[in-house]
C-alpha atoms as a PDB file:
ATOM      1  CA  MET A   1      -3.932 -10.815  -5.024  1.00  0.00           C
ATOM      2  CA  PHE A   2      -4.602 -14.466  -5.234  1.00  0.00           C
ATOM      3  CA  THR A   3      -5.003 -13.817  -8.965  1.00  0.00           C
ATOM      4  CA  LYS A   4      -1.620 -16.475  -9.844  1.00  0.00           C
ATOM      5  CA  THR A   5      -1.486 -18.291  -6.483  1.00  0.00           C
ATOM      6  CA  LEU A   6      -4.919 -19.659  -6.331  1.00  0.00           C
ATOM      7  CA  PRO A   7      -5.979 -21.366 -10.010  1.00  0.00           C
ATOM      8  CA  ILE A   8      -2.375 -23.504  -9.291  1.00  0.00           C
ATOM      9  CA  ILE A   9      -3.530 -24.408  -5.827  1.00  0.00           C
ATOM     10  CA  PHE A  10      -6.442 -25.042  -7.673  1.00  0.00           C
ATOM     11  CA  THR A  11      -4.948 -26.821 -10.573  1.00  0.00           C
ATOM     12  CA  TYR A  12      -1.979 -28.809  -9.242  1.00  0.00           C
ATOM     13  CA  THR A  13      -3.147 -29.793  -5.296  1.00  0.00           C
ATOM     14  CA  LYS A  14      -5.629 -31.282  -3.836  1.00  0.00           C
ATOM     15  CA  LEU A  15      -4.243 -28.723  -0.746  1.00  0.00           C
ATOM     16  CA  PHE A  16      -7.719 -27.224  -0.866  1.00  0.00           C
ATOM     17  CA  SER A  17     -10.954 -26.615  -2.822  1.00  0.00           C
ATOM     18  CA  GLN A  18     -12.240 -23.829  -4.164  1.00  0.00           C
ATOM     19  CA  LEU A  19     -15.581 -24.397  -1.430  1.00  0.00           C
ATOM     20  CA  GLU A  20     -12.802 -24.566   1.179  1.00  0.00           C
ATOM     21  CA  ALA A  21     -10.948 -21.641   0.088  1.00  0.00           C
ATOM     22  CA  VAL A  22     -14.107 -19.448  -0.188  1.00  0.00           C
ATOM     23  CA  ILE A  23     -15.707 -20.981   3.827  1.00  0.00           C
ATOM     24  CA  PHE A  24     -11.886 -19.881   4.929  1.00  0.00           C
ATOM     25  CA  LEU A  25     -12.047 -16.320   3.551  1.00  0.00           C
ATOM     26  CA  ALA A  26     -15.639 -15.805   4.389  1.00  0.00           C
ATOM     27  CA  ALA A  27     -14.658 -17.039   8.138  1.00  0.00           C
ATOM     28  CA  LEU A  28     -12.063 -14.721   8.201  1.00  0.00           C
ATOM     29  CA  PHE A  29     -13.815 -11.936   7.765  1.00  0.00           C
ATOM     30  CA  LEU A  30     -16.597 -12.712  10.691  1.00  0.00           C
ATOM     31  CA  LEU A  31     -14.394 -13.365  12.595  1.00  0.00           C
ATOM     32  CA  VAL A  32     -12.170  -9.974  12.218  1.00  0.00           C
ATOM     33  CA  TYR A  33     -15.285  -7.782  11.885  1.00  0.00           C
ATOM     34  CA  CYS A  34     -16.418  -9.484  15.133  1.00  0.00           C
ATOM     35  CA  TYR A  35     -12.843  -8.704  16.578  1.00  0.00           C
ATOM     36  CA  THR A  36     -12.837  -5.105  15.138  1.00  0.00           C
ATOM     37  CA  PRO A  37     -13.381  -2.019  17.524  1.00  0.00           C
ATOM     38  CA  ALA A  38     -15.783   0.535  16.756  1.00  0.00           C
ATOM     39  CA  VAL A  39     -15.009   3.400  14.746  1.00  0.00           C
ATOM     40  CA  LYS A  40     -13.731   6.673  17.174  1.00  0.00           C
ATOM     41  CA  SER A  41     -16.966   9.483  15.637  1.00  0.00           C
ATOM     42  CA  THR A  42     -14.427  12.174  17.856  1.00  0.00           C
ATOM     43  CA  TRP A  43     -11.378  11.401  15.203  1.00  0.00           C
ATOM     44  CA  ARG A  44     -10.593  13.968  12.556  1.00  0.00           C
ATOM     45  CA  ASP A  45      -8.129  13.771   9.679  1.00  0.00           C
ATOM     46  CA  CYS A  46      -5.292  16.318   9.979  1.00  0.00           C
ATOM     47  CA  SER A  47      -3.009  15.867   6.692  1.00  0.00           C
ATOM     48  CA  SER A  48       0.726  15.448   7.450  1.00  0.00           C
ATOM     49  CA  ASN A  49       3.379  17.244   5.541  1.00  0.00           C
ATOM     50  CA  GLY A  50       5.501  15.061   3.622  1.00  0.00           C
ATOM     51  CA  TRP A  51       6.655  11.331   3.166  1.00  0.00           C
ATOM     52  CA  TYR A  52       8.007  10.708   6.247  1.00  0.00           C
ATOM     53  CA  GLN A  53       5.696  12.548   8.739  1.00  0.00           C
ATOM     54  CA  THR A  54       2.586  10.282   6.324  1.00  0.00           C
ATOM     55  CA  LEU A  55       4.181   7.327   6.945  1.00  0.00           C
ATOM     56  CA  TYR A  56       5.191   7.958  10.978  1.00  0.00           C
ATOM     57  CA  SER A  57       1.746   9.232  11.741  1.00  0.00           C
ATOM     58  CA  ALA A  58       0.732   5.141   9.743  1.00  0.00           C
ATOM     59  CA  TRP A  59       2.489   3.715  12.298  1.00  0.00           C
ATOM     60  CA  LEU A  60       1.357   5.631  15.144  1.00  0.00           C
ATOM     61  CA  GLY A  61      -2.307   5.162  14.015  1.00  0.00           C
ATOM     62  CA  GLU A  62      -2.805   9.007  13.755  1.00  0.00           C
ATOM     63  CA  SER A  63      -3.483   9.167   9.949  1.00  0.00           C
ATOM     64  CA  SER A  64      -7.081   8.067   8.506  1.00  0.00           C
ATOM     65  CA  LEU A  65      -7.410   4.441   7.581  1.00  0.00           C
ATOM     66  CA  TRP A  66      -7.773   5.278   3.197  1.00  0.00           C
ATOM     67  CA  ARG A  67      -4.542   7.243   3.592  1.00  0.00           C
ATOM     68  CA  ALA A  68      -2.601   3.959   5.452  1.00  0.00           C
ATOM     69  CA  PHE A  69      -3.973   1.242   3.681  1.00  0.00           C
ATOM     70  CA  TRP A  70      -4.542   2.526  -0.712  1.00  0.00           C
ATOM     71  CA  PRO A  71      -1.258   3.725  -1.314  1.00  0.00           C
ATOM     72  CA  PHE A  72       0.490   0.756   0.120  1.00  0.00           C
ATOM     73  CA  PHE A  73      -2.168  -2.189  -1.348  1.00  0.00           C
ATOM     74  CA  THR A  74      -2.424  -0.458  -4.878  1.00  0.00           C
ATOM     75  CA  LEU A  75       1.626  -1.039  -4.931  1.00  0.00           C
ATOM     76  CA  VAL A  76       2.442  -4.199  -3.675  1.00  0.00           C
ATOM     77  CA  ASN A  77      -0.216  -5.607  -6.354  1.00  0.00           C
ATOM     78  CA  ILE A  78       1.156  -3.623  -9.072  1.00  0.00           C
ATOM     79  CA  ILE A  79       4.897  -5.385  -8.003  1.00  0.00           C
ATOM     80  CA  PHE A  80       3.297  -8.880  -7.615  1.00  0.00           C
ATOM     81  CA  TYR A  81       1.882  -8.176 -11.224  1.00  0.00           C
ATOM     82  CA  TYR A  82       4.865  -7.411 -12.607  1.00  0.00           C
ATOM     83  CA  ILE A  83       7.437  -9.645 -11.096  1.00  0.00           C
ATOM     84  CA  ASP A  84       4.609 -12.373 -12.027  1.00  0.00           C
ATOM     85  CA  TYR A  85       4.264 -11.139 -15.705  1.00  0.00           C
ATOM     86  CA  ARG A  86       8.475 -11.022 -15.610  1.00  0.00           C
ATOM     87  CA  ALA A  87       8.638 -14.957 -14.208  1.00  0.00           C
ATOM     88  CA  MET A  88       5.720 -15.953 -16.914  1.00  0.00           C
ATOM     89  CA  THR A  89       7.286 -14.383 -19.625  1.00  0.00           C
ATOM     90  CA  GLU A  90      10.446 -16.085 -18.708  1.00  0.00           C
ATOM     91  CA  THR A  91      12.630 -12.996 -17.792  1.00  0.00           C
ATOM     92  CA  TYR A  92      12.935 -13.691 -13.615  1.00  0.00           C
ATOM     93  CA  THR A  93      14.237 -16.564 -12.023  1.00  0.00           C
ATOM     94  CA  ILE A  94      13.158 -17.899  -9.364  1.00  0.00           C
ATOM     95  CA  ALA A  95      15.875 -16.036  -7.117  1.00  0.00           C
ATOM     96  CA  SER A  96      14.943 -13.124  -8.441  1.00  0.00           C
ATOM     97  CA  TRP A  97      11.192 -14.038  -8.125  1.00  0.00           C
ATOM     98  CA  LYS A  98      12.266 -14.439  -4.277  1.00  0.00           C
ATOM     99  CA  THR A  99      14.445 -11.675  -3.544  1.00  0.00           C
ATOM    100  CA  VAL A 100      11.375  -9.308  -4.689  1.00  0.00           C
ATOM    101  CA  HIS A 101       9.507 -10.951  -2.219  1.00  0.00           C
ATOM    102  CA  GLY A 102      12.124 -10.630   0.354  1.00  0.00           C
ATOM    103  CA  MET A 103      12.395  -7.010  -0.417  1.00  0.00           C
ATOM    104  CA  LEU A 104       8.779  -6.767   0.507  1.00  0.00           C
ATOM    105  CA  LEU A 105       8.411  -8.744   3.695  1.00  0.00           C
ATOM    106  CA  LEU A 106       9.429  -5.425   6.119  1.00  0.00           C
ATOM    107  CA  PRO A 107       7.161  -2.932   4.369  1.00  0.00           C
ATOM    108  CA  ILE A 108       4.139  -5.141   4.671  1.00  0.00           C
ATOM    109  CA  VAL A 109       4.671  -5.963   8.674  1.00  0.00           C
ATOM    110  CA  TRP A 110       4.774  -1.972   8.697  1.00  0.00           C
ATOM    111  CA  TRP A 111       1.570  -1.918   6.608  1.00  0.00           C
ATOM    112  CA  THR A 112      -0.419  -4.638   8.574  1.00  0.00           C
ATOM    113  CA  ARG A 113       0.246  -2.791  11.993  1.00  0.00           C
ATOM    114  CA  SER A 114      -0.068   0.649  10.498  1.00  0.00           C
ATOM    115  CA  VAL A 115      -3.693  -0.562   8.780  1.00  0.00           C
ATOM    116  CA  TRP A 116      -4.418  -2.399  12.032  1.00  0.00           C
ATOM    117  CA  VAL A 117      -3.932   0.695  14.294  1.00  0.00           C
ATOM    118  CA  CYS A 118      -5.872   3.340  11.557  1.00  0.00           C
ATOM    119  CA  SER A 119      -8.782   0.869  11.389  1.00  0.00           C
ATOM    120  CA  GLN A 120     -10.652   3.392  14.012  1.00  0.00           C
ATOM    121  CA  ASN A 121      -9.990   6.251  12.107  1.00  0.00           C
ATOM    122  CA  THR A 122     -12.771   5.630   9.274  1.00  0.00           C
ATOM    123  CA  ARG A 123     -16.608   6.117   8.870  1.00  0.00           C
ATOM    124  CA  PHE A 124     -17.468   2.902   9.199  1.00  0.00           C
ATOM    125  CA  LYS A 125     -16.680  -0.386  10.827  1.00  0.00           C
ATOM    126  CA  LEU A 126     -17.026  -2.361   7.526  1.00  0.00           C
ATOM    127  CA  LEU A 127     -14.121  -0.664   6.234  1.00  0.00           C
ATOM    128  CA  SER A 128     -12.010  -1.501   9.215  1.00  0.00           C
ATOM    129  CA  SER A 129     -13.254  -4.860   9.351  1.00  0.00           C
ATOM    130  CA  VAL A 130     -12.705  -5.353   4.962  1.00  0.00           C
ATOM    131  CA  ALA A 131      -9.294  -3.605   5.470  1.00  0.00           C
ATOM    132  CA  ARG A 132      -8.296  -5.286   8.353  1.00  0.00           C
ATOM    133  CA  THR A 133      -8.870  -8.705   6.326  1.00  0.00           C
ATOM    134  CA  LEU A 134      -7.028  -7.871   3.077  1.00  0.00           C
ATOM    135  CA  THR A 135      -3.890  -7.415   5.238  1.00  0.00           C
ATOM    136  CA  LEU A 136      -4.214 -10.937   6.097  1.00  0.00           C
ATOM    137  CA  CYS A 137      -4.861 -12.169   3.163  1.00  0.00           C
ATOM    138  CA  LEU A 138      -2.009 -10.615   1.455  1.00  0.00           C
ATOM    139  CA  LEU A 139       0.274 -12.776   4.193  1.00  0.00           C
ATOM    140  CA  LEU A 140      -1.844 -16.057   2.681  1.00  0.00           C
ATOM    141  CA  GLU A 141      -0.759 -14.898  -0.546  1.00  0.00           C
ATOM    142  CA  PHE A 142       2.678 -14.645   0.969  1.00  0.00           C
ATOM    143  CA  ILE A 143       2.621 -18.204   2.563  1.00  0.00           C
ATOM    144  CA  LEU A 144       0.800 -19.445  -1.119  1.00  0.00           C
ATOM    145  CA  ARG A 145       3.793 -18.068  -2.686  1.00  0.00           C
ATOM    146  CA  PHE A 146       6.901 -19.898  -0.776  1.00  0.00           C
ATOM    147  CA  TYR A 147       4.431 -22.928  -0.929  1.00  0.00           C
ATOM    148  CA  ILE A 148       4.570 -22.639  -4.796  1.00  0.00           C
ATOM    149  CA  SER A 149       8.115 -21.187  -5.139  1.00  0.00           C
ATOM    150  CA  THR A 150       9.138 -24.149  -2.744  1.00  0.00           C
ATOM    151  CA  GLN A 151       7.306 -27.206  -3.635  1.00  0.00           C
ATOM    152  CA  MET A 152       6.006 -26.297  -7.090  1.00  0.00           C
ATOM    153  CA  PRO A 153       8.410 -24.394  -8.934  1.00  0.00           C
ATOM    154  CA  GLN A 154       7.701 -26.268 -12.212  1.00  0.00           C
ATOM    155  CA  THR A 155       4.045 -24.581 -11.987  1.00  0.00           C
ATOM    156  CA  PHE A 156       5.217 -21.362 -12.144  1.00  0.00           C
ATOM    157  CA  PHE A 157       8.841 -21.149 -13.603  1.00  0.00           C
ATOM    158  CA  ASP A 158      10.120 -22.884 -17.073  1.00  0.00           C
ATOM    159  CA  CYS A 159      12.892 -24.949 -15.753  1.00  0.00           C
ATOM    160  CA  ARG A 160      14.245 -25.637 -18.402  1.00  0.00           C
ATOM    161  CA  LEU A 161      15.677 -22.362 -19.404  1.00  0.00           C
ATOM    162  CA  LEU A 162      17.523 -22.349 -15.832  1.00  0.00           C
ATOM    163  CA  THR A 163      21.375 -23.890 -15.713  1.00  0.00           C
ATOM    164  CA  LEU A 164      22.819 -21.970 -13.173  1.00  0.00           C
ATOM    165  CA  GLU A 165      19.717 -22.192 -10.494  1.00  0.00           C
ATOM    166  CA  TYR A 166      18.669 -25.862 -11.845  1.00  0.00           C
ATOM    167  CA  GLY A 167      18.329 -26.890  -8.357  1.00  0.00           C
ATOM    168  CA  ASP A 168      15.385 -24.525  -7.274  1.00  0.00           C
ATOM    169  CA  CYS A 169      13.029 -26.126 -10.046  1.00  0.00           C
ATOM    170  CA  VAL A 170      13.736 -29.913  -8.849  1.00  0.00           C
END
């Protein structure tokens, strides 16, 4: 997360500086920490059978935080690295790159909701605050990726190779 977007923003635009980004992310974490509810001391993890039950229990807030957070967080970052690699090696066009982001949008909404309702199901409030903050950071990453693909596609894609979709690079 932020491995490709922030360097492009810092290098090619004056949208915000590195210091402003650090201050914003720290303030975001502090705000989330203040509004994160206390953890449930009586909560017990009961493992569910099958993928559907695991996803359903995470949606209802009955799953542990690590089960709601880590599998999808790992998967979405692997997908981001893969599509960025494909874009940088000029095997993905802008349309393909945007399509993968569109396919990830609804699962990210599910994941964000699941993490927020399962955040009480952990031992420490700090862990739930970090998980909630990282969900917001992923949404910010999505916004930055959209900004880069619409306003500065030439920084991420080689527009000389695009003959059919050259209009995306203008």
